[in-house]
Amino acid sequence: MAPDRPRRRGRDRAGVWSPPSLRCDVLKGLDPLLRPLRQYPLPGWAWAASLALLLGEGHGLCPDLHDALRPDGGGRNPFPWALIRWKWGGLRFEYPRHLRFRCLRCALCCRDTEVRERRILLLEMEARRISEATSMEVEEFAERIEGSEPFLYRMRKREGRCLFLRGNFCSIYEIRPIICRFYPFQLENLGGDRYRFSYTEECPGIGEGPELGREFFEELFEEFLKVMATI
């Protein structure tokens, strides 16, 4: 009997998103992590489910996954469909409806303001990537912090501005941290597998530009998943 596969979901209802079959390009760059799973009989869409398994414990494959994938009597490795459904099919997020936003390239998110001190936090792998790209030691552009896990570093500033800000342009834009990629949005865990996108109205780009739909927040959420899979 064929394994019971998760139902596909993804309709835009009341600003709530639950994952359909994700595209394989979502997993770009994660191939080394997923390569061990290729020996198992997976359908095409299951690369996304595999990513969810990697996300399950935040540090790679779940401890019980290898036991669940032991070869059966026929030498095959049956994949734990129920585990996929729990780890991936249950992930969902809420997002603001009828919101307009366009980045004005004002660099407000890269510097302190009169009412807010900017804290640009970095994951360890983000700090390492920036170090490799700029040939700078991590300590030259970031300081170690505690109590903000999984973020381990805070970007240093010069006169209240990010060290990598050149005029109003980011000199490390292509490898900027996930916090910078998300601004002016934040992703809050509501408990379990539920998340909610919120935003700050300090950003002058809020209310400008096109209305944001499900696809915009889906891409942000995919960005979050890709980053979390590397922690």
C-alpha atoms as a PDB file:
ATOM      1  CA  MET A   1       0.000   0.000   0.000  1.00  0.00           C
ATOM      2  CA  ALA A   2       1.319   3.446  -0.897  1.00  0.00           C
ATOM      3  CA  PRO A   3       2.274   5.612   2.084  1.00  0.00           C
ATOM      4  CA  ASP A   4      -0.213   8.177   3.269  1.00  0.00           C
ATOM      5  CA  ARG A   5       1.087  11.482   1.927  1.00  0.00           C
ATOM      6  CA  PRO A   6       0.390  14.871   3.481  1.00  0.00           C
ATOM      7  CA  ARG A   7      -2.404  16.852   1.918  1.00  0.00           C
ATOM      8  CA  ARG A   8      -1.299  19.801  -0.124  1.00  0.00           C
ATOM      9  CA  ARG A   9      -2.343  23.109   1.253  1.00  0.00           C
ATOM     10  CA  GLY A  10      -1.572  26.661   0.351  1.00  0.00           C
ATOM     11  CA  ARG A  11      -4.690  28.701  -0.255  1.00  0.00           C
ATOM     12  CA  ASP A  12      -4.705  32.286   0.889  1.00  0.00           C
ATOM     13  CA  ARG A  13      -7.458  32.264   3.510  1.00  0.00           C
ATOM     14  CA  ALA A  14      -7.641  35.010   6.125  1.00  0.00           C
ATOM     15  CA  GLY A  15      -3.954  35.668   5.865  1.00  0.00           C
ATOM     16  CA  VAL A  16      -2.932  32.191   6.981  1.00  0.00           C
ATOM     17  CA  TRP A  17      -0.417  30.161   4.980  1.00  0.00           C
ATOM     18  CA  SER A  18       0.373  26.493   5.244  1.00  0.00           C
ATOM     19  CA  PRO A  19       2.919  24.931   2.919  1.00  0.00           C
ATOM     20  CA  PRO A  20       2.037  23.421  -0.432  1.00  0.00           C
ATOM     21  CA  SER A  21       4.616  21.340  -2.260  1.00  0.00           C
ATOM     22  CA  LEU A  22       7.651  23.632  -2.159  1.00  0.00           C
ATOM     23  CA  ARG A  23       9.871  24.087  -5.189  1.00  0.00           C
ATOM     24  CA  CYS A  24      13.233  22.340  -5.164  1.00  0.00           C
ATOM     25  CA  ASP A  25      15.043  25.659  -5.639  1.00  0.00           C
ATOM     26  CA  VAL A  26      13.986  26.543  -2.098  1.00  0.00           C
ATOM     27  CA  LEU A  27      16.693  24.146  -0.985  1.00  0.00           C
ATOM     28  CA  LYS A  28      19.483  25.699  -3.033  1.00  0.00           C
ATOM     29  CA  GLY A  29      22.699  25.504  -1.064  1.00  0.00           C
ATOM     30  CA  LEU A  30      21.433  22.778   1.264  1.00  0.00           C
ATOM     31  CA  ASP A  31      22.339  19.865  -0.980  1.00  0.00           C
ATOM     32  CA  PRO A  32      25.255  18.705   1.210  1.00  0.00           C
ATOM     33  CA  LEU A  33      22.882  18.425   4.160  1.00  0.00           C
ATOM     34  CA  LEU A  34      20.243  16.525   2.218  1.00  0.00           C
ATOM     35  CA  ARG A  35      22.511  14.242   0.189  1.00  0.00           C
ATOM     36  CA  PRO A  36      22.416  11.431   2.811  1.00  0.00           C
ATOM     37  CA  LEU A  37      18.654  11.168   2.291  1.00  0.00           C
ATOM     38  CA  ARG A  38      18.976  10.308  -1.395  1.00  0.00           C
ATOM     39  CA  GLN A  39      19.231   6.603  -0.643  1.00  0.00           C
ATOM     40  CA  TYR A  40      15.645   6.604   0.543  1.00  0.00           C
ATOM     41  CA  PRO A  41      12.620   6.198  -1.770  1.00  0.00           C
ATOM     42  CA  LEU A  42      11.354   9.786  -1.775  1.00  0.00           C
ATOM     43  CA  PRO A  43       8.838  11.389  -4.133  1.00  0.00           C
ATOM     44  CA  GLY A  44       9.926  14.572  -5.889  1.00  0.00           C
ATOM     45  CA  TRP A  45       8.353  17.010  -3.453  1.00  0.00           C
ATOM     46  CA  ALA A  46       9.910  15.375  -0.416  1.00  0.00           C
ATOM     47  CA  TRP A  47      13.089  17.471  -0.561  1.00  0.00           C
ATOM     48  CA  ALA A  48      11.020  20.168   1.126  1.00  0.00           C
ATOM     49  CA  ALA A  49       9.827  17.662   3.695  1.00  0.00           C
ATOM     50  CA  SER A  50      13.423  16.605   4.226  1.00  0.00           C
ATOM     51  CA  LEU A  51      14.305  20.204   5.009  1.00  0.00           C
ATOM     52  CA  ALA A  52      11.566  20.237   7.614  1.00  0.00           C
ATOM     53  CA  LEU A  53      13.112  17.164   9.195  1.00  0.00           C
ATOM     54  CA  LEU A  54      16.430  18.971   9.329  1.00  0.00           C
ATOM     55  CA  LEU A  55      14.682  21.882  11.004  1.00  0.00           C
ATOM     56  CA  GLY A  56      12.976  19.625  13.513  1.00  0.00           C
ATOM     57  CA  GLU A  57      15.611  19.800  16.218  1.00  0.00           C
ATOM     58  CA  GLY A  58      17.465  22.824  14.884  1.00  0.00           C
ATOM     59  CA  HIS A  59      20.758  20.934  14.644  1.00  0.00           C
ATOM     60  CA  GLY A  60      20.287  18.498  11.763  1.00  0.00           C
ATOM     61  CA  LEU A  61      18.536  15.178  11.497  1.00  0.00           C
ATOM     62  CA  CYS A  62      16.311  14.205  14.392  1.00  0.00           C
ATOM     63  CA  PRO A  63      17.976  11.669  16.719  1.00  0.00           C
ATOM     64  CA  ASP A  64      15.378   9.012  15.950  1.00  0.00           C
ATOM     65  CA  LEU A  65      15.394   9.518  12.194  1.00  0.00           C
ATOM     66  CA  HIS A  66      18.241   7.126  11.461  1.00  0.00           C
ATOM     67  CA  ASP A  67      16.475   4.373  13.417  1.00  0.00           C
ATOM     68  CA  ALA A  68      13.240   5.082  11.572  1.00  0.00           C
ATOM     69  CA  LEU A  69      15.056   4.700   8.258  1.00  0.00           C
ATOM     70  CA  ARG A  70      16.698   1.338   8.868  1.00  0.00           C
ATOM     71  CA  PRO A  71      16.323  -0.966   5.836  1.00  0.00           C
ATOM     72  CA  ASP A  72      13.319  -3.255   5.881  1.00  0.00           C
ATOM     73  CA  GLY A  73      13.421  -6.945   4.971  1.00  0.00           C
ATOM     74  CA  GLY A  74      13.614  -6.123   1.266  1.00  0.00           C
ATOM     75  CA  GLY A  75      16.661  -3.914   1.677  1.00  0.00           C
ATOM     76  CA  ARG A  76      14.666  -0.717   1.156  1.00  0.00           C
ATOM     77  CA  ASN A  77      14.628   2.230   3.514  1.00  0.00           C
ATOM     78  CA  PRO A  78      10.981   3.145   4.152  1.00  0.00           C
ATOM     79  CA  PHE A  79      10.630   6.871   4.735  1.00  0.00           C
ATOM     80  CA  PRO A  80       8.647   7.925   7.866  1.00  0.00           C
ATOM     81  CA  TRP A  81       5.728   9.737   6.233  1.00  0.00           C
ATOM     82  CA  ALA A  82       4.047  10.449   9.553  1.00  0.00           C
ATOM     83  CA  LEU A  83       7.181  12.237  10.700  1.00  0.00           C
ATOM     84  CA  ILE A  84       7.194  14.378   7.569  1.00  0.00           C
ATOM     85  CA  ARG A  85       3.573  15.290   8.094  1.00  0.00           C
ATOM     86  CA  TRP A  86       4.293  16.350  11.661  1.00  0.00           C
ATOM     87  CA  LYS A  87       7.498  18.232  10.937  1.00  0.00           C
ATOM     88  CA  TRP A  88       6.542  19.903   7.665  1.00  0.00           C
ATOM     89  CA  GLY A  89       2.821  19.730   7.025  1.00  0.00           C
ATOM     90  CA  GLY A  90       2.055  21.461  10.322  1.00  0.00           C
ATOM     91  CA  LEU A  91       4.217  24.535   9.707  1.00  0.00           C
ATOM     92  CA  ARG A  92       2.133  27.613   8.994  1.00  0.00           C
ATOM     93  CA  PHE A  93       2.276  31.342   9.406  1.00  0.00           C
ATOM     94  CA  GLU A  94       0.005  34.358   9.591  1.00  0.00           C
ATOM     95  CA  TYR A  95       0.747  37.590   7.775  1.00  0.00           C
ATOM     96  CA  PRO A  96      -0.759  41.107   7.542  1.00  0.00           C
ATOM     97  CA  ARG A  97      -3.359  41.545   4.831  1.00  0.00           C
ATOM     98  CA  HIS A  98      -3.657  44.495   2.430  1.00  0.00           C
ATOM     99  CA  LEU A  99      -0.249  45.843   3.457  1.00  0.00           C
ATOM    100  CA  ARG A 100       1.788  47.949   1.053  1.00  0.00           C
ATOM    101  CA  PHE A 101       5.559  48.126   1.242  1.00  0.00           C
ATOM    102  CA  ARG A 102       8.466  49.257  -0.905  1.00  0.00           C
ATOM    103  CA  CYS A 103      12.092  49.668   0.176  1.00  0.00           C
ATOM    104  CA  LEU A 104      13.018  53.345  -0.242  1.00  0.00           C
ATOM    105  CA  ARG A 105      16.781  52.721   0.125  1.00  0.00           C
ATOM    106  CA  CYS A 106      16.866  55.220   2.986  1.00  0.00           C
ATOM    107  CA  ALA A 107      19.206  53.095   5.162  1.00  0.00           C
ATOM    108  CA  LEU A 108      17.091  53.766   8.257  1.00  0.00           C
ATOM    109  CA  CYS A 109      17.395  50.095   9.164  1.00  0.00           C
ATOM    110  CA  CYS A 110      21.211  50.337   9.078  1.00  0.00           C
ATOM    111  CA  ARG A 111      21.683  53.066  11.687  1.00  0.00           C
ATOM    112  CA  ASP A 112      20.506  54.418  15.009  1.00  0.00           C
ATOM    113  CA  THR A 113      17.634  56.893  15.097  1.00  0.00           C
ATOM    114  CA  GLU A 114      16.589  59.498  17.647  1.00  0.00           C
ATOM    115  CA  VAL A 115      14.221  57.021  19.271  1.00  0.00           C
ATOM    116  CA  ARG A 116      15.894  53.675  18.670  1.00  0.00           C
ATOM    117  CA  GLU A 117      19.323  52.110  18.937  1.00  0.00           C
ATOM    118  CA  ARG A 118      19.788  49.674  16.088  1.00  0.00           C
ATOM    119  CA  ARG A 119      20.925  46.158  17.077  1.00  0.00           C
ATOM    120  CA  ILE A 120      21.953  44.123  14.048  1.00  0.00           C
ATOM    121  CA  LEU A 121      22.364  40.569  15.305  1.00  0.00           C
ATOM    122  CA  LEU A 122      24.311  37.877  13.494  1.00  0.00           C
ATOM    123  CA  LEU A 123      24.189  34.113  13.443  1.00  0.00           C
ATOM    124  CA  GLU A 124      27.563  32.411  13.687  1.00  0.00           C
ATOM    125  CA  MET A 125      27.479  31.259  10.074  1.00  0.00           C
ATOM    126  CA  GLU A 126      26.551  34.795   8.945  1.00  0.00           C
ATOM    127  CA  ALA A 127      29.534  36.263  10.780  1.00  0.00           C
ATOM    128  CA  ARG A 128      31.783  33.616   9.267  1.00  0.00           C
ATOM    129  CA  ARG A 129      30.455  34.281   5.752  1.00  0.00           C
ATOM    130  CA  ILE A 130      31.010  38.034   6.084  1.00  0.00           C
ATOM    131  CA  SER A 131      34.509  37.406   7.409  1.00  0.00           C
ATOM    132  CA  GLU A 132      35.372  35.246   4.411  1.00  0.00           C
ATOM    133  CA  ALA A 133      33.926  37.738   1.917  1.00  0.00           C
ATOM    134  CA  THR A 134      35.620  40.806   3.401  1.00  0.00           C
ATOM    135  CA  SER A 135      38.893  39.235   4.631  1.00  0.00           C
ATOM    136  CA  MET A 136      38.162  40.762   8.044  1.00  0.00           C
ATOM    137  CA  GLU A 137      38.334  38.971  11.361  1.00  0.00           C
ATOM    138  CA  VAL A 138      34.899  38.572  12.932  1.00  0.00           C
ATOM    139  CA  GLU A 139      36.020  40.646  15.932  1.00  0.00           C
ATOM    140  CA  GLU A 140      36.710  43.588  13.622  1.00  0.00           C
ATOM    141  CA  PHE A 141      33.065  44.029  12.618  1.00  0.00           C
ATOM    142  CA  ALA A 142      31.104  42.202  15.338  1.00  0.00           C
ATOM    143  CA  GLU A 143      31.146  41.652  19.079  1.00  0.00           C
ATOM    144  CA  ARG A 144      30.215  38.448  20.874  1.00  0.00           C
ATOM    145  CA  ILE A 145      26.956  38.555  22.853  1.00  0.00           C
ATOM    146  CA  GLU A 146      25.040  36.237  25.175  1.00  0.00           C
ATOM    147  CA  GLY A 147      21.353  35.729  25.850  1.00  0.00           C
ATOM    148  CA  SER A 148      20.136  36.248  22.275  1.00  0.00           C
ATOM    149  CA  GLU A 149      20.515  32.706  20.946  1.00  0.00           C
ATOM    150  CA  PRO A 150      20.655  31.586  18.185  1.00  0.00           C
ATOM    151  CA  PHE A 151      22.295  34.973  17.443  1.00  0.00           C
ATOM    152  CA  LEU A 152      25.849  35.027  18.792  1.00  0.00           C
ATOM    153  CA  TYR A 153      27.169  38.360  17.497  1.00  0.00           C
ATOM    154  CA  ARG A 154      26.128  42.002  17.239  1.00  0.00           C
ATOM    155  CA  MET A 155      27.337  44.120  14.342  1.00  0.00           C
ATOM    156  CA  ARG A 156      29.671  46.924  15.331  1.00  0.00           C
ATOM    157  CA  LYS A 157      28.759  50.486  14.357  1.00  0.00           C
ATOM    158  CA  ARG A 158      30.656  53.645  13.629  1.00  0.00           C
ATOM    159  CA  GLU A 159      28.917  56.839  14.746  1.00  0.00           C
ATOM    160  CA  GLY A 160      25.659  54.915  15.019  1.00  0.00           C
ATOM    161  CA  ARG A 161      25.895  53.424  11.520  1.00  0.00           C
ATOM    162  CA  CYS A 162      26.610  49.854  10.466  1.00  0.00           C
ATOM    163  CA  LEU A 163      30.271  49.409   9.565  1.00  0.00           C
ATOM    164  CA  PHE A 164      29.309  48.156   6.118  1.00  0.00           C
ATOM    165  CA  LEU A 165      27.060  51.094   5.224  1.00  0.00           C
ATOM    166  CA  ARG A 166      28.511  53.193   2.406  1.00  0.00           C
ATOM    167  CA  GLY A 167      26.374  56.281   1.994  1.00  0.00           C
ATOM    168  CA  ASN A 168      22.910  54.735   1.785  1.00  0.00           C
ATOM    169  CA  PHE A 169      24.121  51.458   0.299  1.00  0.00           C
ATOM    170  CA  CYS A 170      25.095  48.183   1.954  1.00  0.00           C
ATOM    171  CA  SER A 171      28.531  46.981   0.857  1.00  0.00           C
ATOM    172  CA  ILE A 172      27.688  43.372   1.818  1.00  0.00           C
ATOM    173  CA  TYR A 173      24.153  43.423   0.433  1.00  0.00           C
ATOM    174  CA  GLU A 174      24.322  39.979  -1.202  1.00  0.00           C
ATOM    175  CA  ILE A 175      25.340  38.327   2.078  1.00  0.00           C
ATOM    176  CA  ARG A 176      23.527  40.624   4.514  1.00  0.00           C
ATOM    177  CA  PRO A 177      22.196  38.954   7.694  1.00  0.00           C
ATOM    178  CA  ILE A 178      18.710  37.460   7.933  1.00  0.00           C
ATOM    179  CA  ILE A 179      17.631  40.308  10.254  1.00  0.00           C
ATOM    180  CA  CYS A 180      18.481  42.802   7.522  1.00  0.00           C
ATOM    181  CA  ARG A 181      16.702  40.721   4.898  1.00  0.00           C
ATOM    182  CA  PHE A 182      13.542  40.658   7.007  1.00  0.00           C
ATOM    183  CA  TYR A 183      13.329  44.351   7.941  1.00  0.00           C
ATOM    184  CA  PRO A 184      10.770  45.904   8.489  1.00  0.00           C
ATOM    185  CA  PHE A 185       9.200  42.531   9.260  1.00  0.00           C
ATOM    186  CA  GLN A 186       9.644  40.217  12.223  1.00  0.00           C
ATOM    187  CA  LEU A 187       8.679  36.564  12.574  1.00  0.00           C
ATOM    188  CA  GLU A 188       7.189  35.569  15.906  1.00  0.00           C
ATOM    189  CA  ASN A 189       6.696  31.997  17.078  1.00  0.00           C
ATOM    190  CA  LEU A 190       3.170  31.637  18.455  1.00  0.00           C
ATOM    191  CA  GLY A 191       3.897  28.256  19.945  1.00  0.00           C
ATOM    192  CA  GLY A 192       4.392  24.888  18.335  1.00  0.00           C
ATOM    193  CA  ASP A 193       4.570  25.152  14.556  1.00  0.00           C
ATOM    194  CA  ARG A 194       2.665  28.444  14.236  1.00  0.00           C
ATOM    195  CA  TYR A 195       4.344  31.706  13.282  1.00  0.00           C
ATOM    196  CA  ARG A 196       3.190  35.273  12.705  1.00  0.00           C
ATOM    197  CA  PHE A 197       4.687  38.074  10.629  1.00  0.00           C
ATOM    198  CA  SER A 198       4.502  41.558  12.125  1.00  0.00           C
ATOM    199  CA  TYR A 199       6.144  44.811  11.054  1.00  0.00           C
ATOM    200  CA  THR A 200       7.420  48.097  12.436  1.00  0.00           C
ATOM    201  CA  GLU A 201       5.818  51.324  11.280  1.00  0.00           C
ATOM    202  CA  GLU A 202       9.072  53.234  11.808  1.00  0.00           C
ATOM    203  CA  CYS A 203      10.020  52.183   8.275  1.00  0.00           C
ATOM    204  CA  PRO A 204       8.933  54.920   5.811  1.00  0.00           C
ATOM    205  CA  GLY A 205       8.446  52.266   3.133  1.00  0.00           C
ATOM    206  CA  ILE A 206       5.369  50.884   4.917  1.00  0.00           C
ATOM    207  CA  GLY A 207       2.289  52.078   3.045  1.00  0.00           C
ATOM    208  CA  GLU A 208       4.267  52.626  -0.160  1.00  0.00           C
ATOM    209  CA  GLY A 209       4.490  50.468  -3.263  1.00  0.00           C
ATOM    210  CA  PRO A 210       2.432  47.415  -4.206  1.00  0.00           C
ATOM    211  CA  GLU A 211       0.192  45.447  -1.894  1.00  0.00           C
ATOM    212  CA  LEU A 212       1.999  42.411  -0.523  1.00  0.00           C
ATOM    213  CA  GLY A 213       0.403  39.024  -1.072  1.00  0.00           C
ATOM    214  CA  ARG A 214       0.995  35.516   0.160  1.00  0.00           C
ATOM    215  CA  GLU A 215       3.901  34.970  -2.243  1.00  0.00           C
ATOM    216  CA  PHE A 216       5.973  37.755  -0.659  1.00  0.00           C
ATOM    217  CA  PHE A 217       5.666  36.328   2.848  1.00  0.00           C
ATOM    218  CA  GLU A 218       6.130  32.799   1.559  1.00  0.00           C
ATOM    219  CA  GLU A 219       9.532  33.807   0.177  1.00  0.00           C
ATOM    220  CA  LEU A 220      10.463  35.403   3.502  1.00  0.00           C
ATOM    221  CA  PHE A 221       9.405  32.265   5.327  1.00  0.00           C
ATOM    222  CA  GLU A 222      11.454  30.115   2.968  1.00  0.00           C
ATOM    223  CA  GLU A 223      14.421  32.378   3.706  1.00  0.00           C
ATOM    224  CA  PHE A 224      13.888  31.751   7.406  1.00  0.00           C
ATOM    225  CA  LEU A 225      13.740  27.979   6.845  1.00  0.00           C
ATOM    226  CA  LYS A 226      16.936  27.941   4.809  1.00  0.00           C
ATOM    227  CA  VAL A 227      18.836  29.866   7.459  1.00  0.00           C
ATOM    228  CA  MET A 228      17.502  27.828  10.367  1.00  0.00           C
ATOM    229  CA  ALA A 229      18.505  24.608   8.610  1.00  0.00           C
ATOM    230  CA  THR A 230      22.156  25.652   8.887  1.00  0.00           C
ATOM    231  CA  ILE A 231      22.139  26.349  12.633  1.00  0.00           C
END
